[in-house]
């Protein structure tokens, strides 16, 4: 919801959501998250597979081979 209304402060989102609850739930096919605590309980202790873009490692190695360095 906050992506739809970027100008609304976080403390105003609940009131607007409650006014349009059915429309938002319908639009999201019933997907509802009841706050960040729900996400934390579900995923805080879960491992995350981090996938870097395949070109990132190549670009980094190419810079090292050309004599470039991040150190100043």
PDB file of N, CA and C in Angstrom:
ATOM      1  N   UNK A   1       0.815  -1.182   0.000  1.00  0.00           N
ATOM      2  CA  UNK A   1       0.000   0.000   0.000  1.00  0.00           C
ATOM      3  C   UNK A   1       0.864   1.252   0.000  1.00  0.00           C
ATOM      4  N   UNK A   2       1.968   1.229   0.748  1.00  0.00           N
ATOM      5  CA  UNK A   2       2.802   2.430   0.811  1.00  0.00           C
ATOM      6  C   UNK A   2       3.451   2.751  -0.532  1.00  0.00           C
ATOM      7  N   UNK A   3       3.554   1.778  -1.416  1.00  0.00           N
ATOM      8  CA  UNK A   3       4.087   2.050  -2.759  1.00  0.00           C
ATOM      9  C   UNK A   3       3.058   2.807  -3.604  1.00  0.00           C
ATOM     10  N   UNK A   4       1.799   2.575  -3.350  1.00  0.00           N
ATOM     11  CA  UNK A   4       0.733   3.285  -4.067  1.00  0.00           C
ATOM     12  C   UNK A   4       0.621   4.737  -3.616  1.00  0.00           C
ATOM     13  N   UNK A   5       0.941   4.978  -2.367  1.00  0.00           N
ATOM     14  CA  UNK A   5       0.742   6.305  -1.772  1.00  0.00           C
ATOM     15  C   UNK A   5       2.037   6.805  -1.133  1.00  0.00           C
ATOM     16  N   UNK A   6       3.062   7.079  -1.927  1.00  0.00           N
ATOM     17  CA  UNK A   6       4.361   7.446  -1.354  1.00  0.00           C
ATOM     18  C   UNK A   6       4.349   8.754  -0.565  1.00  0.00           C
ATOM     19  N   UNK A   7       3.372   9.612  -0.793  1.00  0.00           N
ATOM     20  CA  UNK A   7       3.320  10.878  -0.076  1.00  0.00           C
ATOM     21  C   UNK A   7       2.651  10.797   1.284  1.00  0.00           C
ATOM     22  N   UNK A   8       2.064   9.650   1.588  1.00  0.00           N
ATOM     23  CA  UNK A   8       1.368   9.489   2.870  1.00  0.00           C
ATOM     24  C   UNK A   8       2.373   9.029   3.917  1.00  0.00           C
ATOM     25  N   UNK A   9       2.450   9.715   5.059  1.00  0.00           N
ATOM     26  CA  UNK A   9       3.372   9.274   6.113  1.00  0.00           C
ATOM     27  C   UNK A   9       2.947   7.911   6.659  1.00  0.00           C
ATOM     28  N   UNK A  10       3.910   7.164   7.194  1.00  0.00           N
ATOM     29  CA  UNK A  10       3.647   5.799   7.649  1.00  0.00           C
ATOM     30  C   UNK A  10       2.502   5.747   8.650  1.00  0.00           C
ATOM     31  N   UNK A  11       2.384   6.763   9.493  1.00  0.00           N
ATOM     32  CA  UNK A  11       1.344   6.730  10.522  1.00  0.00           C
ATOM     33  C   UNK A  11      -0.055   6.980   9.952  1.00  0.00           C
ATOM     34  N   UNK A  12      -0.157   7.391   8.711  1.00  0.00           N
ATOM     35  CA  UNK A  12      -1.454   7.590   8.086  1.00  0.00           C
ATOM     36  C   UNK A  12      -1.930   6.400   7.274  1.00  0.00           C
ATOM     37  N   UNK A  13      -1.050   5.429   7.058  1.00  0.00           N
ATOM     38  CA  UNK A  13      -1.392   4.292   6.200  1.00  0.00           C
ATOM     39  C   UNK A  13      -2.496   3.413   6.783  1.00  0.00           C
ATOM     40  N   UNK A  14      -2.463   3.176   8.078  1.00  0.00           N
ATOM     41  CA  UNK A  14      -3.473   2.299   8.694  1.00  0.00           C
ATOM     42  C   UNK A  14      -4.882   2.836   8.465  1.00  0.00           C
ATOM     43  N   UNK A  15      -5.071   4.118   8.706  1.00  0.00           N
ATOM     44  CA  UNK A  15      -6.403   4.716   8.544  1.00  0.00           C
ATOM     45  C   UNK A  15      -6.887   4.570   7.102  1.00  0.00           C
ATOM     46  N   UNK A  16      -6.011   4.851   6.145  1.00  0.00           N
ATOM     47  CA  UNK A  16      -6.390   4.729   4.740  1.00  0.00           C
ATOM     48  C   UNK A  16      -6.649   3.276   4.357  1.00  0.00           C
ATOM     49  N   UNK A  17      -5.827   2.368   4.891  1.00  0.00           N
ATOM     50  CA  UNK A  17      -6.031   0.948   4.603  1.00  0.00           C
ATOM     51  C   UNK A  17      -7.394   0.488   5.112  1.00  0.00           C
ATOM     52  N   UNK A  18      -7.726   0.882   6.331  1.00  0.00           N
ATOM     53  CA  UNK A  18      -9.004   0.456   6.905  1.00  0.00           C
ATOM     54  C   UNK A  18     -10.186   0.988   6.103  1.00  0.00           C
ATOM     55  N   UNK A  19     -10.052   2.175   5.532  1.00  0.00           N
ATOM     56  CA  UNK A  19     -11.122   2.732   4.703  1.00  0.00           C
ATOM     57  C   UNK A  19     -11.304   1.959   3.400  1.00  0.00           C
ATOM     58  N   UNK A  20     -10.206   1.408   2.878  1.00  0.00           N
ATOM     59  CA  UNK A  20     -10.219   0.722   1.572  1.00  0.00           C
ATOM     60  C   UNK A  20      -9.786  -0.743   1.679  1.00  0.00           C
ATOM     61  N   UNK A  21      -9.975  -1.329   2.858  1.00  0.00           N
ATOM     62  CA  UNK A  21      -9.477  -2.684   3.122  1.00  0.00           C
ATOM     63  C   UNK A  21      -9.920  -3.708   2.079  1.00  0.00           C
ATOM     64  N   UNK A  22     -11.200  -3.761   1.805  1.00  0.00           N
ATOM     65  CA  UNK A  22     -11.711  -4.767   0.857  1.00  0.00           C
ATOM     66  C   UNK A  22     -11.096  -4.596  -0.526  1.00  0.00           C
ATOM     67  N   UNK A  23     -10.960  -3.358  -0.970  1.00  0.00           N
ATOM     68  CA  UNK A  23     -10.388  -3.097  -2.296  1.00  0.00           C
ATOM     69  C   UNK A  23      -8.928  -3.549  -2.357  1.00  0.00           C
ATOM     70  N   UNK A  24      -8.151  -3.238  -1.305  1.00  0.00           N
ATOM     71  CA  UNK A  24      -6.745  -3.650  -1.294  1.00  0.00           C
ATOM     72  C   UNK A  24      -6.610  -5.170  -1.223  1.00  0.00           C
ATOM     73  N   UNK A  25      -7.428  -5.818  -0.409  1.00  0.00           N
ATOM     74  CA  UNK A  25      -7.351  -7.274  -0.308  1.00  0.00           C
ATOM     75  C   UNK A  25      -7.758  -7.931  -1.615  1.00  0.00           C
ATOM     76  N   UNK A  26      -8.764  -7.399  -2.268  1.00  0.00           N
ATOM     77  CA  UNK A  26      -9.193  -7.929  -3.561  1.00  0.00           C
ATOM     78  C   UNK A  26      -8.079  -7.754  -4.595  1.00  0.00           C
ATOM     79  N   UNK A  27      -7.503  -6.588  -4.612  1.00  0.00           N
ATOM     80  CA  UNK A  27      -6.428  -6.280  -5.564  1.00  0.00           C
ATOM     81  C   UNK A  27      -5.219  -7.197  -5.366  1.00  0.00           C
ATOM     82  N   UNK A  28      -4.950  -7.568  -4.107  1.00  0.00           N
ATOM     83  CA  UNK A  28      -3.804  -8.423  -3.787  1.00  0.00           C
ATOM     84  C   UNK A  28      -4.193  -9.888  -3.640  1.00  0.00           C
ATOM     85  N   UNK A  29      -5.362 -10.246  -4.139  1.00  0.00           N
ATOM     86  CA  UNK A  29      -5.835 -11.640  -4.122  1.00  0.00           C
ATOM     87  C   UNK A  29      -5.803 -12.239  -2.717  1.00  0.00           C
ATOM     88  N   UNK A  30      -6.188 -11.439  -1.727  1.00  0.00           N
ATOM     89  CA  UNK A  30      -6.271 -11.919  -0.359  1.00  0.00           C
ATOM     90  C   UNK A  30      -4.960 -11.936   0.400  1.00  0.00           C
ATOM     91  N   UNK A  31      -3.885 -11.509  -0.224  1.00  0.00           N
ATOM     92  CA  UNK A  31      -2.583 -11.485   0.451  1.00  0.00           C
ATOM     93  C   UNK A  31      -2.558 -10.332   1.449  1.00  0.00           C
ATOM     94  N   UNK A  32      -2.425 -10.679   2.724  1.00  0.00           N
ATOM     95  CA  UNK A  32      -2.394  -9.678   3.788  1.00  0.00           C
ATOM     96  C   UNK A  32      -1.265 -10.026   4.745  1.00  0.00           C
ATOM     97  N   UNK A  33      -0.462  -9.045   5.082  1.00  0.00           N
ATOM     98  CA  UNK A  33       0.583  -9.204   6.092  1.00  0.00           C
ATOM     99  C   UNK A  33       0.200  -8.298   7.245  1.00  0.00           C
ATOM    100  N   UNK A  34       0.136  -8.864   8.424  1.00  0.00           N
ATOM    101  CA  UNK A  34      -0.324  -8.101   9.581  1.00  0.00           C
ATOM    102  C   UNK A  34       0.844  -7.469  10.333  1.00  0.00           C
ATOM    103  N   UNK A  35       1.678  -6.748   9.613  1.00  0.00           N
ATOM    104  CA  UNK A  35       2.791  -6.016  10.225  1.00  0.00           C
ATOM    105  C   UNK A  35       4.124  -6.712  10.033  1.00  0.00           C
ATOM    106  N   UNK A  36       5.176  -5.962  10.330  1.00  0.00           N
ATOM    107  CA  UNK A  36       6.535  -6.477  10.146  1.00  0.00           C
ATOM    108  C   UNK A  36       6.854  -7.628  11.091  1.00  0.00           C
ATOM    109  N   UNK A  37       6.179  -7.701  12.229  1.00  0.00           N
ATOM    110  CA  UNK A  37       6.398  -8.807  13.157  1.00  0.00           C
ATOM    111  C   UNK A  37       6.108 -10.153  12.515  1.00  0.00           C
ATOM    112  N   UNK A  38       5.111 -10.185  11.656  1.00  0.00           N
ATOM    113  CA  UNK A  38       4.780 -11.423  10.943  1.00  0.00           C
ATOM    114  C   UNK A  38       5.946 -11.860  10.061  1.00  0.00           C
ATOM    115  N   UNK A  39       6.556 -10.900   9.361  1.00  0.00           N
ATOM    116  CA  UNK A  39       7.715 -11.214   8.507  1.00  0.00           C
ATOM    117  C   UNK A  39       8.894 -11.673   9.361  1.00  0.00           C
ATOM    118  N   UNK A  40       9.127 -10.998  10.487  1.00  0.00           N
ATOM    119  CA  UNK A  40      10.243 -11.381  11.352  1.00  0.00           C
ATOM    120  C   UNK A  40      10.072 -12.798  11.885  1.00  0.00           C
ATOM    121  N   UNK A  41       8.884 -13.120  12.383  1.00  0.00           N
ATOM    122  CA  UNK A  41       8.647 -14.471  12.906  1.00  0.00           C
ATOM    123  C   UNK A  41       8.826 -15.533  11.826  1.00  0.00           C
ATOM    124  N   UNK A  42       8.428 -15.221  10.622  1.00  0.00           N
ATOM    125  CA  UNK A  42       8.490 -16.204   9.539  1.00  0.00           C
ATOM    126  C   UNK A  42       9.891 -16.368   8.962  1.00  0.00           C
ATOM    127  N   UNK A  43      10.670 -15.285   8.916  1.00  0.00           N
ATOM    128  CA  UNK A  43      11.909 -15.340   8.140  1.00  0.00           C
ATOM    129  C   UNK A  43      13.186 -14.946   8.873  1.00  0.00           C
ATOM    130  N   UNK A  44      13.111 -14.484  10.114  1.00  0.00           N
ATOM    131  CA  UNK A  44      14.302 -13.971  10.788  1.00  0.00           C
ATOM    132  C   UNK A  44      15.414 -15.008  10.909  1.00  0.00           C
ATOM    133  N   UNK A  45      15.075 -16.237  11.223  1.00  0.00           N
ATOM    134  CA  UNK A  45      16.092 -17.268  11.401  1.00  0.00           C
ATOM    135  C   UNK A  45      16.265 -18.148  10.170  1.00  0.00           C
ATOM    136  N   UNK A  46      15.737 -17.712   9.045  1.00  0.00           N
ATOM    137  CA  UNK A  46      15.857 -18.478   7.802  1.00  0.00           C
ATOM    138  C   UNK A  46      17.089 -18.029   7.028  1.00  0.00           C
ATOM    139  N   UNK A  47      17.799 -19.000   6.501  1.00  0.00           N
ATOM    140  CA  UNK A  47      18.960 -18.673   5.666  1.00  0.00           C
ATOM    141  C   UNK A  47      18.484 -18.075   4.345  1.00  0.00           C
ATOM    142  N   UNK A  48      19.283 -17.193   3.809  1.00  0.00           N
ATOM    143  CA  UNK A  48      18.949 -16.536   2.549  1.00  0.00           C
ATOM    144  C   UNK A  48      20.036 -16.851   1.534  1.00  0.00           C
ATOM    145  N   UNK A  49      19.630 -17.304   0.364  1.00  0.00           N
ATOM    146  CA  UNK A  49      20.582 -17.541  -0.720  1.00  0.00           C
ATOM    147  C   UNK A  49      20.764 -16.225  -1.465  1.00  0.00           C
ATOM    148  N   UNK A  50      21.970 -15.710  -1.450  1.00  0.00           N
ATOM    149  CA  UNK A  50      22.255 -14.448  -2.129  1.00  0.00           C
ATOM    150  C   UNK A  50      22.837 -14.763  -3.492  1.00  0.00           C
ATOM    151  N   UNK A  51      22.157 -14.302  -4.509  1.00  0.00           N
ATOM    152  CA  UNK A  51      22.617 -14.528  -5.873  1.00  0.00           C
ATOM    153  C   UNK A  51      23.064 -13.206  -6.468  1.00  0.00           C
ATOM    154  N   UNK A  52      24.347 -13.098  -6.749  1.00  0.00           N
ATOM    155  CA  UNK A  52      24.862 -11.889  -7.387  1.00  0.00           C
ATOM    156  C   UNK A  52      24.703 -12.024  -8.890  1.00  0.00           C
ATOM    157  N   UNK A  53      24.583 -10.914  -9.550  1.00  0.00           N
ATOM    158  CA  UNK A  53      24.501 -10.915 -11.012  1.00  0.00           C
ATOM    159  C   UNK A  53      25.781 -11.542 -11.560  1.00  0.00           C
ATOM    160  N   UNK A  54      25.685 -12.415 -12.553  1.00  0.00           N
ATOM    161  CA  UNK A  54      26.865 -13.101 -13.078  1.00  0.00           C
ATOM    162  C   UNK A  54      27.971 -12.153 -13.543  1.00  0.00           C
ATOM    163  N   UNK A  55      27.637 -10.972 -13.997  1.00  0.00           N
ATOM    164  CA  UNK A  55      28.646 -10.043 -14.488  1.00  0.00           C
ATOM    165  C   UNK A  55      29.412  -9.332 -13.396  1.00  0.00           C
ATOM    166  N   UNK A  56      28.923  -9.355 -12.172  1.00  0.00           N
ATOM    167  CA  UNK A  56      29.580  -8.616 -11.095  1.00  0.00           C
ATOM    168  C   UNK A  56      30.970  -9.168 -10.812  1.00  0.00           C
ATOM    169  N   UNK A  57      31.097 -10.455 -10.672  1.00  0.00           N
ATOM    170  CA  UNK A  57      32.403 -11.048 -10.400  1.00  0.00           C
ATOM    171  C   UNK A  57      33.380 -10.831 -11.538  1.00  0.00           C
ATOM    172  N   UNK A  58      32.897 -10.923 -12.764  1.00  0.00           N
ATOM    173  CA  UNK A  58      33.761 -10.734 -13.926  1.00  0.00           C
ATOM    174  C   UNK A  58      34.274  -9.302 -13.995  1.00  0.00           C
ATOM    175  N   UNK A  59      33.412  -8.332 -13.742  1.00  0.00           N
ATOM    176  CA  UNK A  59      33.818  -6.933 -13.799  1.00  0.00           C
ATOM    177  C   UNK A  59      34.843  -6.636 -12.717  1.00  0.00           C
ATOM    178  N   UNK A  60      34.643  -7.211 -11.552  1.00  0.00           N
ATOM    179  CA  UNK A  60      35.572  -6.999 -10.456  1.00  0.00           C
ATOM    180  C   UNK A  60      36.936  -7.577 -10.791  1.00  0.00           C
ATOM    181  N   UNK A  61      36.953  -8.797 -11.315  1.00  0.00           N
ATOM    182  CA  UNK A  61      38.226  -9.428 -11.672  1.00  0.00           C
ATOM    183  C   UNK A  61      38.903  -8.691 -12.822  1.00  0.00           C
ATOM    184  N   UNK A  62      38.130  -8.184 -13.770  1.00  0.00           N
ATOM    185  CA  UNK A  62      38.704  -7.462 -14.907  1.00  0.00           C
ATOM    186  C   UNK A  62      39.400  -6.198 -14.422  1.00  0.00           C
ATOM    187  N   UNK A  63      38.816  -5.508 -13.446  1.00  0.00           N
ATOM    188  CA  UNK A  63      39.431  -4.305 -12.892  1.00  0.00           C
ATOM    189  C   UNK A  63      40.724  -4.616 -12.182  1.00  0.00           C
ATOM    190  N   UNK A  64      40.768  -5.738 -11.467  1.00  0.00           N
ATOM    191  CA  UNK A  64      41.992  -6.136 -10.774  1.00  0.00           C
ATOM    192  C   UNK A  64      43.082  -6.465 -11.776  1.00  0.00           C
ATOM    193  N   UNK A  65      42.723  -7.121 -12.870  1.00  0.00           N
ATOM    194  CA  UNK A  65      43.707  -7.485 -13.881  1.00  0.00           C
ATOM    195  C   UNK A  65      44.257  -6.255 -14.587  1.00  0.00           C
ATOM    196  N   UNK A  66      43.463  -5.206 -14.693  1.00  0.00           N
ATOM    197  CA  UNK A  66      43.898  -3.992 -15.375  1.00  0.00           C
ATOM    198  C   UNK A  66      44.727  -3.112 -14.444  1.00  0.00           C
ATOM    199  N   UNK A  67      44.917  -3.556 -13.206  1.00  0.00           N
ATOM    200  CA  UNK A  67      45.725  -2.800 -12.267  1.00  0.00           C
ATOM    201  C   UNK A  67      44.935  -1.794 -11.455  1.00  0.00           C
ATOM    202  N   UNK A  68      43.618  -1.810 -11.586  1.00  0.00           N
ATOM    203  CA  UNK A  68      42.786  -0.900 -10.810  1.00  0.00           C
ATOM    204  C   UNK A  68      42.624  -1.458  -9.409  1.00  0.00           C
ATOM    205  N   UNK A  69      42.423  -0.565  -8.468  1.00  0.00           N
ATOM    206  CA  UNK A  69      42.252  -0.989  -7.091  1.00  0.00           C
ATOM    207  C   UNK A  69      41.269  -0.070  -6.403  1.00  0.00           C
ATOM    208  N   UNK A  70      40.539  -0.604  -5.421  1.00  0.00           N
ATOM    209  CA  UNK A  70      39.612   0.209  -4.643  1.00  0.00           C
ATOM    210  C   UNK A  70      40.346   0.975  -3.555  1.00  0.00           C
ATOM    211  N   UNK A  71      41.562   0.573  -3.249  1.00  0.00           N
ATOM    212  CA  UNK A  71      42.323   1.224  -2.187  1.00  0.00           C
ATOM    213  C   UNK A  71      42.912   2.525  -2.704  1.00  0.00           C
ATOM    214  N   UNK A  72      42.865   3.552  -1.875  1.00  0.00           N
ATOM    215  CA  UNK A  72      43.424   4.851  -2.284  1.00  0.00           C
ATOM    216  C   UNK A  72      44.581   5.215  -1.406  1.00  0.00           C
TER     217      UNK A  72
END
